[in-house]
Amino acid sequence: MRRGTLRAGAVLIGVTTALLGSSAAYGDNFYVYQGDDFGFITYNHKAAGACDREADGFNVYANFKRTVPNTVARVEESDGYCKTSTTGTYPVYRIQACENIPVFPDACSAWKQHP
């Protein structure tokens, strides 16, 4: 009986994986890239961040838009790591990743919408 239950469980997991696929599910963190640097919105829309993944000496930042009030906030990372900022009471759904390049215009991704 026990062996049959384990086998049925394994088959159920396999069928579920085949039907749903293995792609990123709704509710995952959302990433926007500028080169190897990136900005992100957390799965619950409560925080946004920026990660510096290029050893080029330029800071990376993320602009993110809150839904209410319609404001833009910025989080910047300069040490080759990631920095996260909470979005306060209002959720965030749009983000843009940028690289702060002195003297020249900053390199930025397009604004992207988190589903």
Protein backbone atom coordinates (compact mmCIF):
# COMPACT_ATOMS: atom_id res chain seq x y z
CA MET A 1 0.00 0.00 0.00
CA ARG A 2 2.76 2.41 0.95
CA ARG A 3 4.73 1.73 -2.25
CA GLY A 4 1.61 2.37 -4.38
CA THR A 5 1.01 5.70 -2.61
CA LEU A 6 4.60 6.83 -3.23
CA ARG A 7 4.38 5.82 -6.89
CA ALA A 8 1.06 7.67 -7.33
CA GLY A 9 2.60 10.77 -5.71
CA ALA A 10 5.59 10.67 -8.04
CA VAL A 11 3.33 10.32 -11.07
CA LEU A 12 1.20 13.25 -9.87
CA ILE A 13 4.27 15.48 -9.49
CA GLY A 14 5.51 14.49 -12.96
CA VAL A 15 2.16 15.17 -14.61
CA THR A 16 1.80 18.52 -12.84
CA THR A 17 5.29 19.60 -13.95
CA ALA A 18 4.59 18.55 -17.53
CA LEU A 19 1.29 20.45 -17.62
CA LEU A 20 2.52 23.63 -15.95
CA GLY A 21 6.01 23.68 -17.42
CA SER A 22 9.15 24.83 -15.70
CA SER A 23 9.22 28.49 -16.74
CA ALA A 24 9.16 31.36 -14.25
CA ALA A 25 5.83 31.46 -12.52
CA TYR A 26 3.63 34.48 -11.98
CA GLY A 27 4.69 36.01 -8.71
CA ASP A 28 8.48 35.66 -9.17
CA ASN A 29 10.89 38.57 -8.85
CA PHE A 30 11.06 40.71 -12.00
CA TYR A 31 14.45 41.70 -13.53
CA VAL A 32 15.45 44.41 -16.00
CA TYR A 33 19.01 44.37 -17.38
CA GLN A 34 21.43 47.05 -18.51
CA GLY A 35 24.39 44.99 -19.67
CA ASP A 36 25.20 42.65 -16.76
CA ASP A 37 23.84 45.15 -14.22
CA PHE A 38 20.18 44.91 -13.34
CA GLY A 39 17.26 46.35 -11.45
CA PHE A 40 14.53 44.25 -9.91
CA ILE A 41 11.09 44.35 -8.32
CA THR A 42 10.29 41.76 -5.67
CA TYR A 43 7.53 39.23 -6.29
CA ASN A 44 5.11 41.08 -3.97
CA HIS A 45 5.80 44.56 -5.45
CA LYS A 46 6.92 45.85 -2.02
CA ALA A 47 10.62 46.46 -2.79
CA ALA A 48 12.89 47.33 -5.70
CA GLY A 49 16.64 47.16 -6.03
CA ALA A 50 19.75 47.55 -8.16
CA CYS A 51 22.66 45.14 -8.59
CA ASP A 52 26.10 46.09 -9.92
CA ARG A 53 27.56 43.06 -11.74
CA GLU A 54 30.14 44.79 -13.95
CA ALA A 55 33.63 45.57 -12.66
CA ASP A 56 33.79 48.82 -14.62
CA GLY A 57 33.79 51.43 -11.83
CA PHE A 58 30.37 52.85 -12.76
CA ASN A 59 27.50 52.87 -10.28
CA VAL A 60 24.24 51.19 -11.20
CA TYR A 61 20.83 52.48 -10.21
CA ALA A 62 17.20 51.60 -10.71
CA ASN A 63 14.37 54.05 -11.16
CA PHE A 64 11.04 52.64 -10.08
CA LYS A 65 7.52 54.00 -10.26
CA ARG A 66 5.00 53.65 -7.48
CA THR A 67 1.36 53.29 -8.46
CA VAL A 68 -0.03 55.88 -6.01
CA PRO A 69 1.04 58.59 -5.91
CA ASN A 70 2.53 58.37 -9.38
CA THR A 71 6.10 59.04 -8.24
CA VAL A 72 9.55 57.87 -9.33
CA ALA A 73 12.09 56.76 -6.73
CA ARG A 74 15.73 55.74 -7.20
CA VAL A 75 17.98 53.18 -5.53
CA GLU A 76 21.71 53.22 -6.34
CA GLU A 77 24.51 50.69 -5.74
CA SER A 78 28.18 51.62 -6.00
CA ASP A 79 30.10 48.80 -4.36
CA GLY A 80 29.58 45.90 -6.75
CA TYR A 81 26.73 44.42 -4.73
CA CYS A 82 22.96 44.78 -4.57
CA LYS A 83 20.93 47.41 -2.74
CA THR A 84 17.22 47.16 -2.07
CA SER A 85 14.70 49.85 -1.19
CA THR A 86 11.22 49.26 0.16
CA THR A 87 8.50 51.01 -1.76
CA GLY A 88 6.55 52.16 1.28
CA THR A 89 2.79 51.80 1.34
CA TYR A 90 2.38 51.83 -2.42
CA PRO A 91 3.29 48.94 -4.72
CA VAL A 92 5.74 49.32 -7.59
CA TYR A 93 5.14 47.87 -11.06
CA ARG A 94 7.51 49.72 -13.43
CA ILE A 95 11.32 49.77 -13.35
CA GLN A 96 14.30 50.95 -15.36
CA ALA A 97 17.95 49.89 -14.83
CA CYS A 98 20.71 52.43 -15.51
CA GLU A 99 24.47 52.75 -15.35
CA ASN A 100 25.79 56.09 -14.08
CA ILE A 101 28.48 57.11 -16.59
CA PRO A 102 30.26 60.38 -15.70
CA VAL A 103 30.44 63.05 -18.43
CA PHE A 104 28.31 60.99 -20.87
CA PRO A 105 24.56 60.31 -20.78
CA ASP A 106 23.69 57.36 -18.53
CA ALA A 107 23.01 54.02 -20.22
CA CYS A 108 19.48 52.94 -19.31
CA SER A 109 17.15 50.11 -20.19
CA ALA A 110 13.65 50.87 -21.35
CA TRP A 111 10.96 51.11 -18.67
CA LYS A 112 9.52 47.63 -18.07
CA GLN A 113 6.21 46.64 -16.49
CA HIS A 114 6.05 43.88 -13.86
CA PRO A 115 2.92 41.79 -14.44
